[in-house]
């Protein structure tokens, strides 16, 4: 019967490595992360996955709720900090209700119990800015699996040390890097134009990703040696990308939101998915689908197309940060960047003072960052689409 639901995986593990761009795993993966690439050769590689936020706090809030950033409202640091509405159902809550043991490991203060992110996790190991690297987080995941090997488990592991400033450093990382050394490189790059430090920042990142790749192989080996591969759904994702270039481009340009998404597990075909995916909000419904759990009606996400979900004809990302509301809409041919004044105190957007749209063509999965002109009618359609989307969405704050 083609309508028979597939048997749910015993274990579902979501590995979230902070701040990795799509291009590093797609185009240089065999050099930088051979263990990750080899393990996921037998799974699905998504070529057009885009995060719904360009930094950790709103991205994790979207992953856990399947809501766009302006709907869940957890999007701004400092005095305008907010946590998730307690009435919102989270992914781990749904997994827990279905009998999964739920465990999370966080390496950063923006994936935190303070924001409501721990709701539904039986255990939430919280080690922000510690001296431990991703190897320790991976060991915690292995220990949890071994303690509960006769039960079903839902695990979300976040590692931060692949995000600059890439600390702590190991002997391996130091040996992989070029002779250049500067402990204050990240601070200099933040204070000046990234462009002037791009080569050295990328060199350090690649060394750190290689270190992480060697560490994560321990988890892959554990799963294989304990015959867990066939009944484990393993997802490799990231919360956002990162750019080492100057900030003259729109905030949500490609390098900040185009992210890797790799999936391997029961009923996951081997291959590549080229349709558009909203990686943050599509995570929840896709996991629930695999686990045969009913998907809530109020969410923004969709089941991944290679699992039978309806393919998207465009993706949407946004940022409510400081004094600007930034939005990008992408389809397979074009992307459009929009900007509006934003008041974090009143949580209001001034749609009357919209800035000119910046539009690019898209070719071979990437944006061609050369401004193109669009006529007045098309411009108005894009403004209307964004503003209608915003005003039609429900707010959960």
Protein backbone atom coordinates (compact mmCIF):
# COMPACT_ATOMS: atom_id res chain seq x y z
CA UNK A 1 0.00 0.00 0.00
CA UNK A 2 1.64 3.22 -1.14
CA UNK A 3 -0.15 5.13 1.65
CA UNK A 4 1.29 2.98 4.43
CA UNK A 5 3.42 5.10 6.74
CA UNK A 6 7.09 4.10 6.88
CA UNK A 7 8.40 2.65 10.11
CA UNK A 8 9.66 5.49 12.28
CA UNK A 9 13.38 5.67 13.04
CA UNK A 10 14.40 4.58 16.50
CA UNK A 11 16.86 7.45 16.86
CA UNK A 12 16.71 10.95 15.36
CA UNK A 13 19.88 13.00 15.71
CA UNK A 14 20.13 16.60 14.54
CA UNK A 15 23.72 17.87 14.43
CA UNK A 16 23.89 21.67 14.19
CA UNK A 17 27.35 23.12 13.58
CA UNK A 18 27.36 26.90 13.92
CA UNK A 19 28.05 29.24 11.01
CA UNK A 20 29.00 27.06 8.02
CA UNK A 21 28.39 28.18 4.46
CA UNK A 22 26.98 25.80 1.88
CA UNK A 23 30.01 26.17 -0.37
CA UNK A 24 32.45 24.62 2.12
CA UNK A 25 30.72 21.26 2.17
CA UNK A 26 29.49 21.26 -1.40
CA UNK A 27 32.52 22.50 -3.30
CA UNK A 28 35.42 21.78 -0.98
CA UNK A 29 33.97 19.08 1.21
CA UNK A 30 36.21 16.25 0.16
CA UNK A 31 39.24 18.28 1.21
CA UNK A 32 37.89 19.85 4.39
CA UNK A 33 35.31 17.42 5.76
CA UNK A 34 35.88 13.99 4.20
CA UNK A 35 34.24 12.04 7.04
CA UNK A 36 31.02 14.05 6.86
CA UNK A 37 30.90 13.83 3.09
CA UNK A 38 31.62 10.10 3.05
CA UNK A 39 28.99 9.30 5.69
CA UNK A 40 26.30 11.26 3.88
CA UNK A 41 27.17 9.79 0.46
CA UNK A 42 24.39 7.32 1.23
CA UNK A 43 21.90 10.06 1.95
CA UNK A 44 20.47 13.27 0.57
CA UNK A 45 22.41 16.47 -0.03
CA UNK A 46 20.24 19.59 -0.31
CA UNK A 47 21.73 22.16 -2.66
CA UNK A 48 19.32 25.04 -2.04
CA UNK A 49 18.68 25.15 1.69
CA UNK A 50 18.37 28.64 3.17
CA UNK A 51 18.12 29.56 6.84
CA UNK A 52 15.33 31.89 7.93
CA UNK A 53 17.72 34.01 10.04
CA UNK A 54 21.34 34.98 9.80
CA UNK A 55 22.38 34.42 13.41
CA UNK A 56 21.93 31.83 16.13
CA UNK A 57 19.13 33.10 18.39
CA UNK A 58 16.34 33.56 15.81
CA UNK A 59 17.49 30.57 13.75
CA UNK A 60 17.23 28.10 16.64
CA UNK A 61 13.90 29.61 17.65
CA UNK A 62 12.66 28.89 14.13
CA UNK A 63 14.06 25.35 14.11
CA UNK A 64 12.29 24.51 17.37
CA UNK A 65 8.92 26.08 16.43
CA UNK A 66 8.79 25.99 12.60
CA UNK A 67 7.82 29.68 12.62
CA UNK A 68 9.35 32.55 10.70
CA UNK A 69 11.32 35.03 12.77
CA UNK A 70 8.71 37.80 12.73
CA UNK A 71 6.12 35.29 13.98
CA UNK A 72 7.97 33.87 17.00
CA UNK A 73 9.57 37.25 17.78
CA UNK A 74 12.77 35.94 19.40
CA UNK A 75 15.08 37.96 17.27
CA UNK A 76 16.87 40.78 19.06
CA UNK A 77 19.62 40.90 21.72
CA UNK A 78 20.17 43.21 24.65
CA UNK A 79 17.36 45.12 26.37
CA UNK A 80 14.88 43.86 23.75
CA UNK A 81 15.47 40.19 24.51
CA UNK A 82 12.38 37.97 24.41
CA UNK A 83 11.88 34.25 24.96
CA UNK A 84 9.53 31.91 23.13
CA UNK A 85 5.87 32.18 24.02
CA UNK A 86 5.24 29.40 26.52
CA UNK A 87 2.07 28.42 24.66
CA UNK A 88 4.07 27.50 21.56
CA UNK A 89 4.55 23.77 21.07
CA UNK A 90 8.17 22.88 20.34
CA UNK A 91 9.68 20.04 18.35
CA UNK A 92 11.19 18.28 21.41
CA UNK A 93 7.84 18.49 23.23
CA UNK A 94 6.16 16.65 20.37
CA UNK A 95 8.92 14.04 20.28
CA UNK A 96 8.75 13.54 24.05
CA UNK A 97 4.98 12.97 23.91
CA UNK A 98 5.56 10.18 21.40
CA UNK A 99 7.94 8.29 23.67
CA UNK A 100 11.32 9.60 22.50
CA UNK A 101 13.96 10.37 25.11
CA UNK A 102 14.93 13.98 24.39
CA UNK A 103 18.42 15.40 24.87
CA UNK A 104 20.11 18.63 23.77
CA UNK A 105 23.68 19.88 24.03
CA UNK A 106 24.29 23.59 23.54
CA UNK A 107 27.61 25.37 23.14
CA UNK A 108 26.29 28.94 23.02
CA UNK A 109 24.16 31.31 25.07
CA UNK A 110 21.83 31.93 22.13
CA UNK A 111 20.59 28.30 22.18
CA UNK A 112 19.57 28.48 25.78
CA UNK A 113 16.96 27.63 28.42
CA UNK A 114 16.64 31.39 28.98
CA UNK A 115 14.89 31.69 25.61
CA UNK A 116 12.57 28.74 26.14
CA UNK A 117 14.70 26.47 23.97
CA UNK A 118 14.92 23.73 26.61
CA UNK A 119 11.15 23.15 26.70
CA UNK A 120 10.53 19.50 25.88
CA UNK A 121 14.11 18.33 26.43
CA UNK A 122 14.47 15.95 29.38
CA UNK A 123 18.15 16.84 29.52
CA UNK A 124 19.65 20.10 28.28
CA UNK A 125 23.43 20.32 28.70
CA UNK A 126 24.29 24.00 28.51
CA UNK A 127 27.97 24.92 28.17
CA UNK A 128 28.19 28.36 26.57
CA UNK A 129 31.68 29.72 25.87
CA UNK A 130 33.33 26.88 27.76
CA UNK A 131 36.87 25.66 27.13
CA UNK A 132 35.46 22.41 25.75
CA UNK A 133 35.38 21.90 22.00
CA UNK A 134 32.97 19.97 19.81
CA UNK A 135 34.68 16.68 20.68
CA UNK A 136 33.15 16.85 24.17
CA UNK A 137 29.66 17.53 22.80
CA UNK A 138 29.99 14.54 20.49
CA UNK A 139 31.05 12.35 23.40
CA UNK A 140 27.99 13.48 25.37
CA UNK A 141 25.78 12.40 22.47
CA UNK A 142 27.49 9.00 22.32
CA UNK A 143 27.14 8.55 26.09
CA UNK A 144 23.42 9.40 25.90
CA UNK A 145 22.87 6.89 23.10
CA UNK A 146 24.72 4.20 25.00
CA UNK A 147 22.73 4.87 28.17
CA UNK A 148 19.45 4.64 26.27
CA UNK A 149 20.30 2.22 23.48
CA UNK A 150 17.14 0.18 24.11
CA UNK A 151 14.91 3.27 23.80
CA UNK A 152 14.02 5.78 21.10
CA UNK A 153 15.99 9.02 21.24
CA UNK A 154 15.67 12.53 19.81
CA UNK A 155 18.93 14.46 20.11
CA UNK A 156 19.88 17.98 19.08
CA UNK A 157 23.58 18.80 19.33
CA UNK A 158 24.88 22.32 18.77
CA UNK A 159 28.60 23.08 18.53
CA UNK A 160 29.89 26.63 18.47
CA UNK A 161 33.64 26.29 18.03
CA UNK A 162 33.36 26.18 14.21
CA UNK A 163 32.17 29.80 14.47
CA UNK A 164 34.90 32.46 14.75
CA UNK A 165 36.99 33.04 16.81
CA UNK A 166 37.36 29.23 16.47
CA UNK A 167 38.41 28.54 20.07
CA UNK A 168 39.68 26.38 21.64
CA UNK A 169 42.49 25.38 19.32
CA UNK A 170 43.87 21.88 19.09
CA UNK A 171 47.25 20.59 18.02
CA UNK A 172 45.60 19.33 14.82
CA UNK A 173 44.07 22.69 13.96
CA UNK A 174 47.31 24.56 14.61
CA UNK A 175 49.19 22.18 12.33
CA UNK A 176 46.64 22.50 9.53
CA UNK A 177 46.86 26.28 9.47
CA UNK A 178 49.28 28.41 7.49
CA UNK A 179 52.28 29.79 9.41
CA UNK A 180 50.40 33.08 9.94
CA UNK A 181 49.08 33.44 13.50
CA UNK A 182 47.09 36.23 15.11
CA UNK A 183 45.04 35.57 18.26
CA UNK A 184 43.12 38.80 17.69
CA UNK A 185 42.26 38.13 14.05
CA UNK A 186 38.49 37.89 14.58
CA UNK A 187 38.38 41.11 16.59
CA UNK A 188 40.35 42.88 13.86
CA UNK A 189 38.05 41.50 11.16
CA UNK A 190 34.98 42.70 13.04
CA UNK A 191 36.42 46.17 13.57
CA UNK A 192 37.74 46.62 10.05
CA UNK A 193 36.59 45.38 6.66
CA UNK A 194 36.45 41.60 6.55
CA UNK A 195 37.92 41.74 3.06
CA UNK A 196 41.36 42.65 4.38
CA UNK A 197 41.44 39.49 6.54
CA UNK A 198 39.43 37.12 4.36
CA UNK A 199 42.23 34.72 3.42
CA UNK A 200 43.43 34.24 6.98
CA UNK A 201 39.91 33.91 8.39
CA UNK A 202 39.04 31.26 5.81
CA UNK A 203 42.29 29.43 6.46
CA UNK A 204 41.51 29.21 10.18
CA UNK A 205 37.90 28.19 9.50
CA UNK A 206 38.93 25.36 7.19
CA UNK A 207 41.35 24.06 9.81
CA UNK A 208 38.62 24.18 12.46
CA UNK A 209 36.11 22.41 10.21
CA UNK A 210 38.67 19.69 9.56
CA UNK A 211 39.14 19.30 13.33
CA UNK A 212 35.37 18.99 13.77
CA UNK A 213 35.20 16.48 10.92
CA UNK A 214 37.77 14.24 12.62
CA UNK A 215 35.80 14.44 15.88
CA UNK A 216 32.37 13.73 14.39
CA UNK A 217 33.74 10.56 12.83
CA UNK A 218 33.60 9.10 16.36
CA UNK A 219 29.81 9.36 16.32
CA UNK A 220 29.56 7.82 12.86
CA UNK A 221 31.83 4.97 13.99
CA UNK A 222 29.77 4.40 17.14
CA UNK A 223 26.54 4.18 15.14
CA UNK A 224 28.09 1.73 12.69
CA UNK A 225 29.72 -0.51 15.29
CA UNK A 226 26.48 -0.71 17.30
CA UNK A 227 24.33 -1.49 14.24
CA UNK A 228 22.34 1.72 14.64
CA UNK A 229 22.72 3.08 11.11
CA UNK A 230 19.65 1.42 9.65
CA UNK A 231 17.23 2.78 12.25
CA UNK A 232 18.77 6.23 12.86
CA UNK A 233 17.80 9.43 11.05
CA UNK A 234 20.86 11.68 11.08
CA UNK A 235 20.63 15.32 9.99
CA UNK A 236 23.62 17.59 9.54
CA UNK A 237 22.62 21.25 9.47
CA UNK A 238 23.77 24.70 10.51
CA UNK A 239 21.91 27.63 12.00
CA UNK A 240 23.34 30.20 9.59
CA UNK A 241 26.21 30.88 7.25
CA UNK A 242 28.93 33.49 7.59
CA UNK A 243 30.67 36.03 5.42
CA UNK A 244 34.22 37.27 5.58
CA UNK A 245 33.52 40.07 3.12
CA UNK A 246 32.72 43.73 3.65
CA UNK A 247 29.29 44.81 4.77
CA UNK A 248 28.36 46.92 1.78
CA UNK A 249 26.08 44.15 0.50
CA UNK A 250 22.51 43.59 1.78
CA UNK A 251 22.49 41.95 5.21
CA UNK A 252 20.88 38.69 4.06
CA UNK A 253 23.09 38.03 1.07
CA UNK A 254 23.91 34.52 -0.01
CA UNK A 255 26.90 33.61 2.16
CA UNK A 256 24.99 34.43 5.35
CA UNK A 257 21.91 32.28 4.64
CA UNK A 258 22.83 29.57 2.08
CA UNK A 259 23.59 26.61 4.34
CA UNK A 260 24.41 22.89 4.12
CA UNK A 261 21.67 20.35 4.85
CA UNK A 262 22.55 16.65 4.71
CA UNK A 263 20.22 13.81 5.71
CA UNK A 264 20.74 10.07 6.01
CA UNK A 265 18.43 7.46 7.44
CA UNK A 266 15.54 5.05 6.87
CA UNK A 267 13.50 5.89 3.76
CA UNK A 268 15.93 8.65 2.74
CA UNK A 269 16.92 8.28 -0.90
CA UNK A 270 20.51 8.65 -1.98
CA UNK A 271 21.04 11.71 -4.14
CA UNK A 272 20.80 15.50 -4.36
CA UNK A 273 17.78 17.75 -3.86
CA UNK A 274 17.86 20.90 -5.99
CA UNK A 275 14.53 22.46 -5.05
CA UNK A 276 14.32 25.36 -2.61
CA UNK A 277 14.15 24.52 1.12
CA UNK A 278 13.61 26.77 4.12
CA UNK A 279 16.08 24.93 6.32
CA UNK A 280 15.05 26.36 9.71
CA UNK A 281 11.27 26.07 9.51
CA UNK A 282 11.16 22.91 7.38
CA UNK A 283 13.13 20.94 9.99
CA UNK A 284 10.24 20.32 12.41
CA UNK A 285 7.59 19.04 9.97
CA UNK A 286 10.14 16.85 8.18
CA UNK A 287 11.28 15.18 11.41
CA UNK A 288 7.66 14.74 12.54
CA UNK A 289 6.81 13.18 9.18
CA UNK A 290 9.67 10.69 9.53
CA UNK A 291 8.52 9.82 13.06
CA UNK A 292 4.85 9.42 12.01
CA UNK A 293 3.80 12.25 14.31
CA UNK A 294 0.97 14.61 13.38
CA UNK A 295 2.20 17.97 12.09
CA UNK A 296 0.66 21.12 13.67
CA UNK A 297 -1.45 23.30 11.38
CA UNK A 298 -0.11 26.69 12.50
CA UNK A 299 3.52 26.30 11.42
CA UNK A 300 5.34 27.86 8.45
CA UNK A 301 7.42 24.83 7.52
CA UNK A 302 6.87 22.09 4.95
CA UNK A 303 7.98 18.48 4.71
CA UNK A 304 11.11 18.15 2.60
CA UNK A 305 10.20 17.47 -1.05
CA UNK A 306 12.24 14.25 -1.23
CA UNK A 307 9.94 12.91 1.51
CA UNK A 308 6.84 13.77 -0.48
CA UNK A 309 6.30 17.36 0.64
CA UNK A 310 5.29 20.07 -1.81
CA UNK A 311 8.31 21.79 -3.33
CA UNK A 312 8.67 25.51 -2.72
CA UNK A 313 8.77 27.97 -5.61
CA UNK A 314 10.55 30.52 -3.37
CA UNK A 315 12.18 30.88 0.05
CA UNK A 316 11.95 33.65 2.60
CA UNK A 317 14.49 34.90 5.19
CA UNK A 318 14.37 37.92 7.47
CA UNK A 319 16.25 39.86 10.12
CA UNK A 320 14.82 42.18 12.78
CA UNK A 321 18.01 43.61 14.17
CA UNK A 322 19.05 46.97 15.59
CA UNK A 323 17.13 49.55 13.57
CA UNK A 324 16.50 47.60 10.38
CA UNK A 325 14.04 44.98 9.16
CA UNK A 326 15.73 43.09 6.33
CA UNK A 327 14.00 40.58 4.06
CA UNK A 328 15.09 38.47 1.11
CA UNK A 329 12.89 36.45 -1.24
CA UNK A 330 14.56 33.98 -3.59
CA UNK A 331 13.27 31.84 -6.39
CA UNK A 332 15.30 29.87 -8.91
CA UNK A 333 15.92 32.88 -11.15
CA UNK A 334 16.03 35.96 -8.94
CA UNK A 335 16.45 37.19 -5.39
CA UNK A 336 15.14 40.47 -4.00
CA UNK A 337 16.44 42.24 -0.89
CA UNK A 338 14.16 44.67 0.96
CA UNK A 339 14.88 46.93 3.96
CA UNK A 340 12.63 48.92 6.30
CA UNK A 341 13.18 50.95 9.49
CA UNK A 342 12.62 48.84 12.61
CA UNK A 343 11.97 49.95 16.19
CA UNK A 344 13.00 47.20 18.62
CA UNK A 345 11.36 48.90 21.61
CA UNK A 346 7.89 48.90 20.08
CA UNK A 347 8.63 45.89 17.83
CA UNK A 348 7.24 47.88 14.90
CA UNK A 349 8.25 48.17 11.25
CA UNK A 350 7.74 51.35 9.25
CA UNK A 351 6.56 49.96 5.92
CA UNK A 352 5.97 53.49 4.58
CA UNK A 353 9.71 54.23 4.61
CA UNK A 354 10.82 51.27 2.56
CA UNK A 355 14.21 51.41 0.89
CA UNK A 356 14.80 50.60 -2.78
CA UNK A 357 14.83 46.89 -3.61
CA UNK A 358 18.19 45.33 -4.46
CA UNK A 359 17.70 42.53 -7.00
CA UNK A 360 20.12 39.91 -8.34
CA UNK A 361 19.88 37.12 -10.88
CA UNK A 362 20.47 33.56 -9.69
CA UNK A 363 22.46 31.01 -11.67
CA UNK A 364 23.74 27.53 -10.78
CA UNK A 365 22.44 27.67 -7.20
CA UNK A 366 24.09 31.02 -6.41
CA UNK A 367 23.26 34.72 -6.64
CA UNK A 368 25.04 36.77 -9.27
CA UNK A 369 25.76 39.85 -7.18
CA UNK A 370 25.25 42.44 -9.88
CA UNK A 371 22.27 44.71 -9.42
CA UNK A 372 19.57 44.28 -12.03
CA UNK A 373 16.72 46.65 -12.81
CA UNK A 374 13.10 45.64 -12.34
CA UNK A 375 10.15 47.63 -13.67
CA UNK A 376 7.74 49.58 -11.52
CA UNK A 377 4.97 46.97 -11.64
CA UNK A 378 7.29 44.17 -10.58
CA UNK A 379 8.73 46.34 -7.82
CA UNK A 380 5.27 47.00 -6.42
CA UNK A 381 4.40 43.30 -6.58
CA UNK A 382 7.46 42.45 -4.49
CA UNK A 383 6.67 45.13 -1.91
CA UNK A 384 3.09 43.90 -1.73
CA UNK A 385 4.15 40.27 -1.35
CA UNK A 386 6.45 40.98 1.59
CA UNK A 387 4.03 43.31 3.33
CA UNK A 388 1.06 40.98 2.83
CA UNK A 389 3.09 38.08 4.17
CA UNK A 390 4.01 40.06 7.26
CA UNK A 391 0.52 41.33 8.03
CA UNK A 392 -1.19 38.01 7.34
CA UNK A 393 1.08 36.05 9.71
CA UNK A 394 0.09 35.38 13.29
CA UNK A 395 2.31 36.81 16.03
CA UNK A 396 3.24 34.66 19.03
CA UNK A 397 4.44 37.41 21.34
